[in-house]
Amino acid sequence: MSLRTLERDAPSSFKHSVSAGTRVLVFSAVALVLILADARLKITEPLRQAVSAVLFPLQWAVMQPVEWLASGQSYFEDLAKAQNEAVASRQAMTAMMLKAHEAERLHEENQQLRDLLQLRPRLTVDTVAAEVMYETPDSYTRRVVLDKGQVAGIEAGSPVLDDLGVLGQVTRVQPFSSEVTLLSDRDQAIPVMVARTGVRSVAYGDASNLRTDSMELRFLSNDADILVGDELVTSGVDGVYLAGLPVARVVQVERRAQSPFMRIYCEPIARLDGARHVMVLTPLNMVKAQHSPDAAPIVPSEADTKQQREDKSAQRRALGKANLPGAGGQR
């Protein structure tokens, strides 16, 4: 009997193998339990941290060539960009130097003309830098609150500007905060002038709810020279705003045959919603009061006093003669 005919394996009745489908189900259940346990109990977090600490040097070593290549490429790109910016900066500096010399020459000529005409010097307005803290919760008004108040020298009625133009006006002042009514508020009005033609008007906050952050010019006749795109600046006639401050830009002009006045809608130049840092100016009337010379008391001379007494005596004598009986042609 050959040895090859002998079966060395155990009989099939003693084999206990698990089917592939059962193994898949068991391993899937174990994986699901581990996923849930890790998500809830974080049981694999220490193991993950240990593996990460062990593999970090290897990861760092593998990433170094990639980072060197990227840094080398960015170095040459930054170098070329810096060289281009340096050239553009030198050109801009040259242009700014020419403008600065021209502005200085015009300033000197302007000062000489003002001295020649004996005009009073220009007024200098004090400013206070402030930051917008929040917008008031009233949905029917457009107001913001600043972080500066009476302690910082802010007065009620002060104009408020951002880096683009007029933002609004201080309407309420507290010791450490102040409230600013924006130009788009329905109760706000500001005297303006069309920069192109010099036409004066008053810009009001749009009272309708159809437009957001809009203004309108009222009571402007249909034959007024104003076009879409015209810039509106402060006219300075109200004694609050300095003249020439940017206010708004005309976006729509409606000429109506049934009315002698046209409807003009404007868009504020300042960022009414996104302004964060603003400048608070001193009202123009306060600046004029500070710069106006004090009136010196007029003391009449002795000769003037004597002449006034003689004139009053002559007036009394003339009145007395007029009141005598039979005088003045009495019937």
Protein backbone atom coordinates (compact mmCIF):
# COMPACT_ATOMS: atom_id res chain seq x y z
CA MET A 1 0.00 0.00 0.00
CA SER A 2 1.50 3.25 -1.10
CA LEU A 3 2.00 6.03 1.40
CA ARG A 4 0.44 8.48 -1.03
CA THR A 5 -2.86 6.78 -0.69
CA LEU A 6 -2.97 7.52 3.02
CA GLU A 7 -4.91 10.69 3.91
CA ARG A 8 -3.06 12.81 6.35
CA ASP A 9 -5.83 15.45 6.82
CA ALA A 10 -8.49 15.18 9.42
CA PRO A 11 -11.83 13.79 8.35
CA SER A 12 -14.38 16.28 7.11
CA SER A 13 -16.61 15.59 10.09
CA PHE A 14 -13.97 17.13 12.39
CA LYS A 15 -13.52 20.40 10.33
CA HIS A 16 -15.23 23.56 11.68
CA SER A 17 -14.57 26.27 9.02
CA VAL A 18 -16.59 29.58 8.91
CA SER A 19 -18.08 30.68 5.64
CA ALA A 20 -16.88 33.88 3.92
CA GLY A 21 -20.26 35.59 4.27
CA THR A 22 -20.30 35.04 8.01
CA ARG A 23 -16.79 36.49 8.35
CA VAL A 24 -17.83 39.58 6.38
CA LEU A 25 -20.85 40.14 8.64
CA VAL A 26 -18.80 39.66 11.82
CA PHE A 27 -16.00 41.96 10.70
CA SER A 28 -18.53 44.58 9.51
CA ALA A 29 -20.30 44.48 12.89
CA VAL A 30 -16.96 44.82 14.72
CA ALA A 31 -15.94 47.73 12.48
CA LEU A 32 -19.29 49.46 13.05
CA VAL A 33 -18.97 49.02 16.82
CA LEU A 34 -15.44 50.43 16.76
CA ILE A 35 -16.55 53.40 14.64
CA LEU A 36 -19.41 54.22 17.01
CA ALA A 37 -17.21 53.72 20.06
CA ASP A 38 -14.55 55.98 18.61
CA ALA A 39 -17.09 58.63 17.69
CA ARG A 40 -18.75 58.54 21.12
CA LEU A 41 -16.06 57.48 23.56
CA LYS A 42 -12.89 58.46 21.67
CA ILE A 43 -11.30 55.13 22.57
CA THR A 44 -8.81 55.23 19.70
CA GLU A 45 -7.66 58.79 20.34
CA PRO A 46 -4.57 57.76 22.40
CA LEU A 47 -3.63 55.21 19.76
CA ARG A 48 -4.07 57.76 17.01
CA GLN A 49 -1.89 60.28 18.85
CA ALA A 50 0.83 57.68 19.45
CA VAL A 51 0.85 56.65 15.79
CA SER A 52 0.91 60.28 14.71
CA ALA A 53 3.87 61.01 17.00
CA VAL A 54 5.76 58.02 15.67
CA LEU A 55 5.06 58.81 12.01
CA PHE A 56 5.64 62.58 12.23
CA PRO A 57 9.41 62.44 11.53
CA LEU A 58 8.75 60.27 8.50
CA GLN A 59 6.04 62.63 7.26
CA TRP A 60 8.32 65.63 7.80
CA ALA A 61 11.16 63.96 5.89
CA VAL A 62 8.86 63.05 2.99
CA MET A 63 7.39 66.56 2.77
CA GLN A 64 10.71 68.42 2.78
CA PRO A 65 11.51 67.98 -0.92
CA VAL A 66 8.01 69.12 -1.85
CA GLU A 67 8.27 72.18 0.40
CA TRP A 68 11.73 73.03 -0.93
CA LEU A 69 10.43 72.88 -4.47
CA ALA A 70 7.37 74.99 -3.63
CA SER A 71 9.42 77.54 -1.67
CA GLY A 72 11.94 77.82 -4.48
CA GLN A 73 9.20 78.45 -7.01
CA SER A 74 7.46 80.99 -4.76
CA TYR A 75 10.82 82.69 -4.12
CA PHE A 76 11.37 83.41 -7.79
CA GLU A 77 7.73 84.48 -8.21
CA ASP A 78 7.94 86.80 -5.21
CA LEU A 79 11.24 88.18 -6.45
CA ALA A 80 9.79 89.01 -9.86
CA LYS A 81 6.69 90.51 -8.23
CA ALA A 82 8.79 92.60 -5.85
CA GLN A 83 10.90 93.91 -8.74
CA ASN A 84 7.78 94.87 -10.72
CA GLU A 85 6.27 96.56 -7.67
CA ALA A 86 9.52 98.43 -7.04
CA VAL A 87 9.49 99.78 -10.60
CA ALA A 88 5.80 100.77 -10.32
CA SER A 89 6.47 102.40 -6.94
CA ARG A 90 9.33 104.48 -8.33
CA GLN A 91 7.13 105.64 -11.20
CA ALA A 92 4.29 106.49 -8.82
CA MET A 93 6.71 108.30 -6.52
CA THR A 94 7.97 110.40 -9.40
CA ALA A 95 4.40 111.30 -10.38
CA MET A 96 3.54 112.13 -6.77
CA MET A 97 6.61 114.36 -6.47
CA LEU A 98 5.49 116.32 -9.52
CA LYS A 99 1.98 116.64 -8.09
CA ALA A 100 3.37 117.67 -4.70
CA HIS A 101 5.48 120.42 -6.29
CA GLU A 102 2.50 121.59 -8.32
CA ALA A 103 0.25 121.58 -5.25
CA GLU A 104 2.84 123.51 -3.22
CA ARG A 105 3.16 126.10 -5.97
CA LEU A 106 -0.63 126.48 -6.21
CA HIS A 107 -0.85 126.78 -2.42
CA GLU A 108 1.70 129.57 -2.41
CA GLU A 109 -0.10 131.40 -5.23
CA ASN A 110 -3.43 130.97 -3.45
CA GLN A 111 -1.97 132.33 -0.22
CA GLN A 112 -0.48 135.32 -2.04
CA LEU A 113 -3.83 136.07 -3.70
CA ARG A 114 -5.66 135.81 -0.38
CA ASP A 115 -3.15 138.15 1.23
CA LEU A 116 -3.45 140.56 -1.69
CA LEU A 117 -7.25 140.59 -1.47
CA GLN A 118 -7.08 140.73 2.35
CA LEU A 119 -9.27 137.66 2.74
CA ARG A 120 -9.53 135.97 6.10
CA PRO A 121 -7.60 132.71 6.51
CA ARG A 122 -9.31 129.40 5.95
CA LEU A 123 -10.94 127.78 8.95
CA THR A 124 -9.34 124.70 10.46
CA VAL A 125 -11.80 122.13 11.80
CA ASP A 126 -10.94 119.85 14.72
CA THR A 127 -11.61 116.14 14.21
CA VAL A 128 -12.11 113.17 16.53
CA ALA A 129 -11.52 109.61 15.34
CA ALA A 130 -14.21 107.15 16.46
CA GLU A 131 -15.32 103.59 15.80
CA VAL A 132 -18.81 102.31 15.03
CA MET A 133 -19.85 99.90 17.78
CA TYR A 134 -23.28 98.78 16.59
CA GLU A 135 -26.45 99.84 14.79
CA THR A 136 -29.50 100.82 16.79
CA PRO A 137 -32.17 98.09 16.95
CA ASP A 138 -34.95 100.42 15.79
CA SER A 139 -36.01 99.12 12.37
CA TYR A 140 -37.67 102.45 11.43
CA THR A 141 -34.51 104.55 11.74
CA ARG A 142 -30.98 104.41 10.35
CA ARG A 143 -28.64 105.18 13.23
CA VAL A 144 -25.33 103.88 14.53
CA VAL A 145 -23.57 104.28 17.87
CA LEU A 146 -19.97 105.47 18.19
CA ASP A 147 -17.52 104.68 20.99
CA LYS A 148 -16.77 108.39 21.70
CA GLY A 149 -18.94 110.95 23.46
CA GLN A 150 -18.81 114.15 25.50
CA VAL A 151 -15.59 113.12 27.23
CA ALA A 152 -13.85 113.03 23.82
CA GLY A 153 -15.23 116.46 22.89
CA ILE A 154 -18.04 115.39 20.53
CA GLU A 155 -20.93 117.85 20.29
CA ALA A 156 -24.48 117.32 19.11
CA GLY A 157 -24.88 118.27 15.46
CA SER A 158 -21.32 117.33 14.50
CA PRO A 159 -20.85 115.99 10.94
CA VAL A 160 -19.55 112.42 10.65
CA LEU A 161 -17.47 111.21 7.69
CA ASP A 162 -15.84 107.97 6.60
CA ASP A 163 -13.01 107.66 4.09
CA LEU A 164 -15.41 108.22 1.15
CA GLY A 165 -17.78 110.98 2.19
CA VAL A 166 -20.41 112.25 4.61
CA LEU A 167 -21.94 109.48 6.69
CA GLY A 168 -24.43 111.40 8.83
CA GLN A 169 -24.76 113.73 11.79
CA VAL A 170 -24.50 113.30 15.55
CA THR A 171 -27.99 113.65 17.01
CA ARG A 172 -27.51 112.38 20.57
CA VAL A 173 -24.44 112.53 22.80
CA GLN A 174 -23.73 110.52 25.94
CA PRO A 175 -20.64 110.80 28.16
CA PHE A 176 -18.90 107.83 26.53
CA SER A 177 -20.89 107.25 23.35
CA SER A 178 -22.80 109.15 20.70
CA GLU A 179 -25.58 108.36 18.26
CA VAL A 180 -25.28 109.20 14.59
CA THR A 181 -28.26 109.54 12.26
CA LEU A 182 -27.29 108.34 8.80
CA LEU A 183 -28.05 110.25 5.62
CA SER A 184 -30.60 107.65 4.50
CA ASP A 185 -32.77 108.17 7.58
CA ARG A 186 -36.16 109.59 6.64
CA ASP A 187 -35.82 112.47 9.13
CA GLN A 188 -32.36 113.53 7.97
CA ALA A 189 -31.73 116.44 5.57
CA ILE A 190 -28.52 118.01 4.28
CA PRO A 191 -27.99 121.06 2.01
CA VAL A 192 -26.14 119.98 -1.13
CA MET A 193 -24.86 121.44 -4.37
CA VAL A 194 -24.36 119.85 -7.77
CA ALA A 195 -20.59 119.87 -8.26
CA ARG A 196 -20.91 120.22 -12.06
CA THR A 197 -23.33 123.13 -12.25
CA GLY A 198 -23.50 124.65 -8.77
CA VAL A 199 -27.28 124.10 -8.45
CA ARG A 200 -28.25 124.07 -4.78
CA SER A 201 -30.87 121.91 -3.15
CA VAL A 202 -31.59 119.85 -0.06
CA ALA A 203 -31.15 116.07 0.04
CA TYR A 204 -33.50 114.06 2.26
CA GLY A 205 -33.42 110.46 3.37
CA ASP A 206 -35.76 108.39 1.24
CA ALA A 207 -39.00 107.99 3.18
CA SER A 208 -40.19 104.98 1.19
CA ASN A 209 -39.29 101.41 2.05
CA LEU A 210 -38.76 100.45 -1.59
CA ARG A 211 -35.15 101.62 -1.66
CA THR A 212 -32.39 100.83 0.80
CA ASP A 213 -29.81 103.48 1.69
CA SER A 214 -31.22 105.97 -0.78
CA MET A 215 -31.74 109.74 -0.78
CA GLU A 216 -33.84 112.12 -2.82
CA LEU A 217 -33.77 115.76 -3.88
CA ARG A 218 -37.07 117.54 -3.40
CA PHE A 219 -38.56 120.75 -4.77
CA LEU A 220 -36.15 121.04 -7.69
CA SER A 221 -37.77 122.50 -10.80
CA ASN A 222 -38.06 120.49 -14.01
CA ASP A 223 -35.75 122.85 -15.90
CA ALA A 224 -32.83 122.41 -13.47
CA ASP A 225 -29.58 121.22 -15.03
CA ILE A 226 -28.96 117.88 -13.33
CA LEU A 227 -28.09 114.53 -14.88
CA VAL A 228 -27.61 110.93 -13.82
CA GLY A 229 -24.09 110.52 -12.48
CA ASP A 230 -23.73 114.06 -11.12
CA GLU A 231 -21.94 114.25 -7.79
CA LEU A 232 -23.54 116.13 -4.89
CA VAL A 233 -21.37 117.92 -2.35
CA THR A 234 -22.18 119.96 0.73
CA SER A 235 -23.01 123.57 -0.03
CA GLY A 236 -21.96 124.91 3.38
CA VAL A 237 -24.94 127.28 3.67
CA ASP A 238 -26.34 125.57 6.78
CA GLY A 239 -23.46 126.47 9.07
CA VAL A 240 -22.88 122.82 10.03
CA TYR A 241 -21.04 121.11 7.16
CA LEU A 242 -17.94 122.43 5.45
CA ALA A 243 -18.44 123.18 1.77
CA GLY A 244 -17.29 120.62 -0.77
CA LEU A 245 -17.67 117.37 1.19
CA PRO A 246 -18.83 114.43 -0.99
CA VAL A 247 -22.42 113.43 -0.17
CA ALA A 248 -24.15 111.41 -2.91
CA ARG A 249 -24.39 110.58 -6.60
CA VAL A 250 -27.50 110.95 -8.76
CA VAL A 251 -28.81 107.58 -9.94
CA GLN A 252 -32.28 108.43 -11.32
CA VAL A 253 -34.00 111.58 -12.62
CA GLU A 254 -37.76 111.65 -13.27
CA ARG A 255 -39.28 114.71 -14.96
CA ARG A 256 -43.06 114.73 -14.56
CA ALA A 257 -45.40 116.77 -16.73
CA GLN A 258 -48.11 116.96 -14.05
CA SER A 259 -45.77 118.52 -11.50
CA PRO A 260 -43.43 121.53 -11.64
CA PHE A 261 -40.86 119.59 -9.65
CA MET A 262 -38.93 116.50 -10.67
CA ARG A 263 -38.03 113.43 -8.65
CA ILE A 264 -34.34 112.80 -8.18
CA TYR A 265 -32.98 109.73 -6.40
CA CYS A 266 -29.42 109.64 -5.14
CA GLU A 267 -27.05 107.06 -3.74
CA PRO A 268 -24.82 108.04 -0.79
CA ILE A 269 -21.10 107.89 -1.52
CA ALA A 270 -20.18 106.87 2.04
CA ARG A 271 -20.50 103.25 3.17
CA LEU A 272 -23.61 103.46 5.33
CA ASP A 273 -23.59 99.74 6.13
CA GLY A 274 -19.91 98.87 6.15
CA ALA A 275 -18.33 101.91 7.81
CA ARG A 276 -16.28 101.04 10.89
CA HIS A 277 -13.82 103.87 11.50
CA VAL A 278 -15.14 107.42 11.11
CA MET A 279 -14.11 111.02 11.72
CA VAL A 280 -16.30 113.41 13.70
CA LEU A 281 -15.90 117.07 12.70
CA THR A 282 -16.63 120.15 14.75
CA PRO A 283 -19.75 121.96 13.45
CA LEU A 284 -18.92 124.89 11.19
CA ASN A 285 -20.82 127.44 13.27
CA MET A 286 -18.77 126.52 16.34
CA VAL A 287 -15.55 126.87 14.38
CA LYS A 288 -16.59 130.32 13.16
CA ALA A 289 -17.48 131.36 16.70
CA GLN A 290 -14.06 130.24 17.93
CA HIS A 291 -12.17 132.07 15.17
CA SER A 292 -14.21 135.29 15.17
CA PRO A 293 -12.43 138.14 16.99
CA ASP A 294 -14.00 139.37 20.19
CA ALA A 295 -15.83 142.64 19.72
CA ALA A 296 -14.00 145.39 21.56
CA PRO A 297 -16.25 147.82 23.50
CA ILE A 298 -16.61 151.18 21.76
CA VAL A 299 -15.91 154.03 24.17
CA PRO A 300 -17.23 157.37 22.81
CA SER A 301 -14.95 160.36 23.09
CA GLU A 302 -15.81 163.43 25.17
CA ALA A 303 -16.57 165.52 22.08
CA ASP A 304 -18.97 162.84 20.76
CA THR A 305 -20.72 162.68 24.14
CA LYS A 306 -21.15 166.49 24.20
CA GLN A 307 -22.49 166.50 20.63
CA GLN A 308 -25.02 163.76 21.48
CA ARG A 309 -26.25 165.78 24.47
CA GLU A 310 -26.71 168.90 22.32
CA ASP A 311 -28.60 166.92 19.68
CA LYS A 312 -30.95 165.47 22.30
CA SER A 313 -31.55 168.93 23.79
CA ALA A 314 -32.35 170.33 20.34
CA GLN A 315 -34.80 167.51 19.72
CA ARG A 316 -36.58 168.14 23.02
CA ARG A 317 -36.87 171.91 22.29
CA ALA A 318 -38.29 171.21 18.85
CA LEU A 319 -40.88 168.82 20.30
CA GLY A 320 -41.83 171.36 22.95
CA LYS A 321 -42.47 174.10 20.39
CA ALA A 322 -44.56 171.74 18.30
CA ASN A 323 -46.84 170.98 21.26
CA LEU A 324 -47.54 174.71 22.15
CA PRO A 325 -51.16 175.98 21.59
CA GLY A 326 -51.59 177.66 18.24
CA ALA A 327 -48.41 176.19 16.83
CA GLY A 328 -48.20 174.14 13.67
CA GLY A 329 -51.00 175.97 11.90
CA GLN A 330 -53.80 175.10 14.38
CA ARG A 331 -57.28 176.04 13.14
